Amino acid sequence: MSTTSDLITAAVLIGPGALLSLPIVASQRGAAADSAVVRRALAASAADRAARTTTTTDAAPPDGGEPVPAPVATAPAIRLATIHQLPAARRAA
């Protein structure tokens, strides 16, 4: 192949990717600021939840949902088949 066809091929293959990567790189600049805002909001929400849970001892959720179910004693497991222990030293097949 000639040098000209190599350059045209490179431009066709690499050009669109380079052009499409510019908006992606530009959008990544604002991601750190957005992340800081989200972290601040999550920290405020966690502090609010912690303050609410320390003041109440009720098992019901603060939004009025269904309370935590009481623990139930479970029955012992029923064996469906006999279990046989295999010998520790087995012969080679």
N, C-alpha and C. Protein backbone atom coordinates (compact mmCIF):
# COMPACT_ATOMS: atom_id res chain seq x y z
N MET A 1 0.84 -1.18 0.00
CA MET A 1 0.00 0.00 0.00
C MET A 1 0.88 1.24 0.00
N SER A 2 0.32 2.28 -0.48
CA SER A 2 1.09 3.51 -0.54
C SER A 2 0.89 4.32 0.74
N THR A 3 1.70 5.31 0.89
CA THR A 3 1.64 6.15 2.07
C THR A 3 0.32 6.93 2.11
N THR A 4 -0.14 7.35 0.94
CA THR A 4 -1.38 8.11 0.86
C THR A 4 -2.57 7.26 1.33
N SER A 5 -2.63 6.03 0.88
CA SER A 5 -3.74 5.17 1.29
C SER A 5 -3.65 4.85 2.79
N ASP A 6 -2.43 4.74 3.31
CA ASP A 6 -2.26 4.52 4.75
C ASP A 6 -2.78 5.72 5.55
N LEU A 7 -2.48 6.92 5.10
CA LEU A 7 -2.93 8.11 5.79
C LEU A 7 -4.46 8.25 5.72
N ILE A 8 -5.03 7.93 4.56
CA ILE A 8 -6.49 8.01 4.42
C ILE A 8 -7.15 6.98 5.32
N THR A 9 -6.61 5.78 5.37
CA THR A 9 -7.16 4.73 6.23
C THR A 9 -7.07 5.14 7.69
N ALA A 10 -5.94 5.69 8.09
CA ALA A 10 -5.77 6.13 9.48
C ALA A 10 -6.76 7.25 9.81
N ALA A 11 -6.97 8.17 8.88
CA ALA A 11 -7.90 9.27 9.13
C ALA A 11 -9.33 8.76 9.24
N VAL A 12 -9.69 7.77 8.42
CA VAL A 12 -11.05 7.23 8.46
C VAL A 12 -11.28 6.45 9.74
N LEU A 13 -10.28 5.71 10.20
CA LEU A 13 -10.45 4.88 11.39
C LEU A 13 -10.30 5.67 12.70
N ILE A 14 -9.36 6.58 12.75
CA ILE A 14 -9.06 7.29 13.99
C ILE A 14 -9.86 8.59 14.11
N GLY A 15 -10.16 9.24 13.01
CA GLY A 15 -10.83 10.54 13.02
C GLY A 15 -12.15 10.56 13.78
N PRO A 16 -13.09 9.68 13.47
CA PRO A 16 -14.37 9.73 14.21
C PRO A 16 -14.20 9.48 15.71
N GLY A 17 -13.32 8.59 16.08
CA GLY A 17 -13.09 8.34 17.51
C GLY A 17 -12.51 9.56 18.20
N ALA A 18 -11.60 10.26 17.54
CA ALA A 18 -11.01 11.46 18.12
C ALA A 18 -12.05 12.56 18.25
N LEU A 19 -12.91 12.70 17.25
CA LEU A 19 -13.94 13.73 17.31
C LEU A 19 -15.00 13.41 18.36
N LEU A 20 -15.35 12.15 18.50
CA LEU A 20 -16.36 11.78 19.48
C LEU A 20 -15.83 11.80 20.91
N SER A 21 -14.53 11.71 21.07
CA SER A 21 -13.98 11.72 22.43
C SER A 21 -13.93 13.13 23.02
N LEU A 22 -13.97 14.16 22.19
CA LEU A 22 -13.91 15.53 22.71
C LEU A 22 -15.09 15.87 23.63
N PRO A 23 -16.35 15.57 23.26
CA PRO A 23 -17.44 15.87 24.21
C PRO A 23 -17.36 15.03 25.48
N ILE A 24 -16.86 13.82 25.38
CA ILE A 24 -16.76 12.96 26.55
C ILE A 24 -15.73 13.54 27.53
N VAL A 25 -14.60 13.96 27.01
CA VAL A 25 -13.57 14.55 27.86
C VAL A 25 -14.09 15.85 28.49
N ALA A 26 -14.83 16.64 27.72
CA ALA A 26 -15.36 17.89 28.25
C ALA A 26 -16.40 17.62 29.35
N SER A 27 -17.18 16.57 29.22
CA SER A 27 -18.19 16.27 30.24
C SER A 27 -17.56 15.74 31.52
N GLN A 28 -16.39 15.15 31.45
CA GLN A 28 -15.73 14.62 32.63
C GLN A 28 -15.21 15.73 33.54
N ARG A 29 -15.05 16.93 33.02
CA ARG A 29 -14.55 18.03 33.84
C ARG A 29 -15.53 18.38 34.94
N GLY A 30 -16.83 18.27 34.68
CA GLY A 30 -17.84 18.62 35.67
C GLY A 30 -18.18 17.48 36.62
N ALA A 31 -17.63 16.30 36.38
CA ALA A 31 -17.98 15.15 37.21
C ALA A 31 -17.50 15.30 38.65
N ALA A 32 -16.36 15.92 38.86
CA ALA A 32 -15.83 16.07 40.22
C ALA A 32 -16.71 17.01 41.04
N ALA A 33 -17.19 18.07 40.43
CA ALA A 33 -18.06 19.01 41.14
C ALA A 33 -19.39 18.34 41.47
N ASP A 34 -19.93 17.58 40.52
CA ASP A 34 -21.18 16.86 40.78
C ASP A 34 -21.00 15.85 41.89
N SER A 35 -19.87 15.16 41.90
CA SER A 35 -19.62 14.16 42.93
C SER A 35 -19.52 14.82 44.31
N ALA A 36 -18.94 15.98 44.39
CA ALA A 36 -18.84 16.68 45.67
C ALA A 36 -20.22 17.06 46.18
N VAL A 37 -21.09 17.49 45.29
CA VAL A 37 -22.45 17.86 45.69
C VAL A 37 -23.21 16.62 46.18
N VAL A 38 -23.05 15.52 45.46
CA VAL A 38 -23.73 14.28 45.84
C VAL A 38 -23.21 13.79 47.19
N ARG A 39 -21.91 13.85 47.41
CA ARG A 39 -21.34 13.42 48.69
C ARG A 39 -21.85 14.27 49.85
N ARG A 40 -21.97 15.60 49.63
CA ARG A 40 -22.50 16.47 50.67
C ARG A 40 -23.95 16.12 50.99
N ALA A 41 -24.76 15.86 49.96
CA ALA A 41 -26.17 15.52 50.17
C ALA A 41 -26.30 14.19 50.90
N LEU A 42 -25.47 13.21 50.54
CA LEU A 42 -25.51 11.91 51.22
C LEU A 42 -25.07 12.03 52.68
N ALA A 43 -24.07 12.85 52.94
CA ALA A 43 -23.61 13.04 54.31
C ALA A 43 -24.70 13.70 55.15
N ALA A 44 -25.39 14.68 54.59
CA ALA A 44 -26.47 15.34 55.33
C ALA A 44 -27.60 14.37 55.60
N SER A 45 -27.92 13.53 54.61
CA SER A 45 -28.98 12.54 54.78
C SER A 45 -28.60 11.52 55.84
N ALA A 46 -27.36 11.07 55.83
CA ALA A 46 -26.91 10.09 56.82
C ALA A 46 -26.93 10.70 58.23
N ALA A 47 -26.55 11.95 58.35
CA ALA A 47 -26.58 12.60 59.67
C ALA A 47 -28.01 12.75 60.16
N ASP A 48 -28.92 13.06 59.27
CA ASP A 48 -30.33 13.19 59.64
C ASP A 48 -30.90 11.84 60.08
N ARG A 49 -30.58 10.78 59.34
CA ARG A 49 -31.06 9.44 59.73
C ARG A 49 -30.47 9.01 61.05
N ALA A 50 -29.20 9.31 61.28
CA ALA A 50 -28.57 8.93 62.55
C ALA A 50 -29.22 9.68 63.72
N ALA A 51 -29.56 10.93 63.51
CA ALA A 51 -30.20 11.71 64.58
C ALA A 51 -31.59 11.16 64.88
N ARG A 52 -32.30 10.74 63.85
CA ARG A 52 -33.65 10.20 64.07
C ARG A 52 -33.61 8.84 64.76
N THR A 53 -32.64 8.00 64.44
CA THR A 53 -32.61 6.66 65.02
C THR A 53 -32.14 6.69 66.47
N THR A 54 -31.36 7.68 66.86
CA THR A 54 -30.91 7.73 68.25
C THR A 54 -31.99 8.26 69.18
N THR A 55 -32.96 9.00 68.65
CA THR A 55 -34.00 9.56 69.50
C THR A 55 -35.17 8.61 69.69
N THR A 56 -35.34 7.62 68.82
CA THR A 56 -36.47 6.70 68.94
C THR A 56 -35.97 5.27 69.13
N THR A 57 -36.75 4.49 69.88
CA THR A 57 -36.42 3.08 70.05
C THR A 57 -37.49 2.20 69.41
N ASP A 58 -38.39 2.80 68.65
CA ASP A 58 -39.47 2.07 68.00
C ASP A 58 -38.89 1.26 66.83
N ALA A 59 -39.42 0.05 66.64
CA ALA A 59 -38.93 -0.80 65.55
C ALA A 59 -39.51 -0.43 64.21
N ALA A 60 -40.53 0.42 64.19
CA ALA A 60 -41.16 0.82 62.92
C ALA A 60 -40.27 1.82 62.19
N PRO A 61 -40.22 1.76 60.88
CA PRO A 61 -39.45 2.73 60.12
C PRO A 61 -40.01 4.14 60.29
N PRO A 62 -39.21 5.17 60.10
CA PRO A 62 -39.68 6.53 60.32
C PRO A 62 -40.76 6.96 59.33
N ASP A 63 -40.85 6.31 58.17
CA ASP A 63 -41.85 6.73 57.20
C ASP A 63 -43.19 6.04 57.42
N GLY A 64 -43.36 5.32 58.53
CA GLY A 64 -44.63 4.68 58.84
C GLY A 64 -44.82 3.34 58.17
N GLY A 65 -43.77 2.72 57.75
CA GLY A 65 -43.86 1.43 57.07
C GLY A 65 -44.09 0.29 58.06
N GLU A 66 -43.98 -0.90 57.56
CA GLU A 66 -44.21 -2.09 58.37
C GLU A 66 -43.03 -2.32 59.30
N PRO A 67 -43.27 -2.65 60.60
CA PRO A 67 -42.16 -2.85 61.53
C PRO A 67 -41.43 -4.16 61.23
N VAL A 68 -40.29 -4.29 61.86
CA VAL A 68 -39.47 -5.49 61.70
C VAL A 68 -40.22 -6.68 62.31
N PRO A 69 -40.28 -7.82 61.62
CA PRO A 69 -40.99 -8.96 62.18
C PRO A 69 -40.26 -9.53 63.39
N ALA A 70 -41.03 -10.10 64.31
CA ALA A 70 -40.45 -10.71 65.50
C ALA A 70 -39.74 -12.00 65.10
N PRO A 71 -38.64 -12.33 65.76
CA PRO A 71 -37.94 -13.57 65.40
C PRO A 71 -38.80 -14.79 65.70
N VAL A 72 -38.72 -15.78 64.83
CA VAL A 72 -39.52 -17.00 64.95
C VAL A 72 -38.57 -18.16 65.15
N ALA A 73 -38.91 -19.03 66.11
CA ALA A 73 -38.09 -20.22 66.34
C ALA A 73 -38.29 -21.19 65.18
N THR A 74 -37.21 -21.68 64.63
CA THR A 74 -37.30 -22.61 63.51
C THR A 74 -37.20 -24.03 64.01
N ALA A 75 -37.85 -24.93 63.30
CA ALA A 75 -37.81 -26.35 63.64
C ALA A 75 -36.47 -26.93 63.21
N PRO A 76 -36.00 -27.98 63.89
CA PRO A 76 -34.74 -28.58 63.47
C PRO A 76 -34.89 -29.21 62.08
N ALA A 77 -33.79 -29.30 61.39
CA ALA A 77 -33.81 -29.85 60.03
C ALA A 77 -34.16 -31.34 60.06
N ILE A 78 -34.95 -31.75 59.10
CA ILE A 78 -35.36 -33.16 58.98
C ILE A 78 -34.48 -33.80 57.91
N ARG A 79 -33.84 -34.89 58.27
CA ARG A 79 -33.00 -35.59 57.30
C ARG A 79 -33.88 -36.44 56.41
N LEU A 80 -33.70 -36.30 55.12
CA LEU A 80 -34.51 -37.04 54.16
C LEU A 80 -33.86 -38.36 53.74
N ALA A 81 -32.57 -38.49 53.97
CA ALA A 81 -31.89 -39.71 53.56
C ALA A 81 -30.82 -40.05 54.59
N THR A 82 -30.43 -41.30 54.60
CA THR A 82 -29.37 -41.74 55.51
C THR A 82 -28.03 -41.30 54.94
N ILE A 83 -27.19 -40.78 55.82
CA ILE A 83 -25.88 -40.31 55.39
C ILE A 83 -24.85 -41.33 55.84
N HIS A 84 -24.06 -41.83 54.90
CA HIS A 84 -23.01 -42.81 55.19
C HIS A 84 -21.66 -42.13 55.06
N GLN A 85 -20.82 -42.34 56.05
CA GLN A 85 -19.47 -41.80 55.99
C GLN A 85 -18.60 -42.71 55.14
N LEU A 86 -17.89 -42.14 54.19
CA LEU A 86 -16.97 -42.92 53.36
C LEU A 86 -15.67 -43.11 54.12
N PRO A 87 -15.00 -44.24 53.88
CA PRO A 87 -13.71 -44.44 54.56
C PRO A 87 -12.70 -43.41 54.10
N ALA A 88 -11.83 -43.04 55.02
CA ALA A 88 -10.85 -42.01 54.72
C ALA A 88 -9.84 -42.48 53.69
N ALA A 89 -9.40 -43.72 53.77
CA ALA A 89 -8.44 -44.25 52.81
C ALA A 89 -9.21 -45.08 51.77
N ARG A 90 -9.30 -44.54 50.56
CA ARG A 90 -10.01 -45.26 49.50
C ARG A 90 -8.98 -45.85 48.55
N ARG A 91 -9.36 -46.97 47.99
CA ARG A 91 -8.41 -47.63 47.07
C ARG A 91 -8.43 -46.92 45.71
N ALA A 92 -7.34 -47.04 45.02
CA ALA A 92 -7.22 -46.39 43.70
C ALA A 92 -8.07 -47.16 42.69
N ALA A 93 -8.69 -46.46 41.79
CA ALA A 93 -9.57 -47.10 40.80
C ALA A 93 -8.79 -47.68 39.66
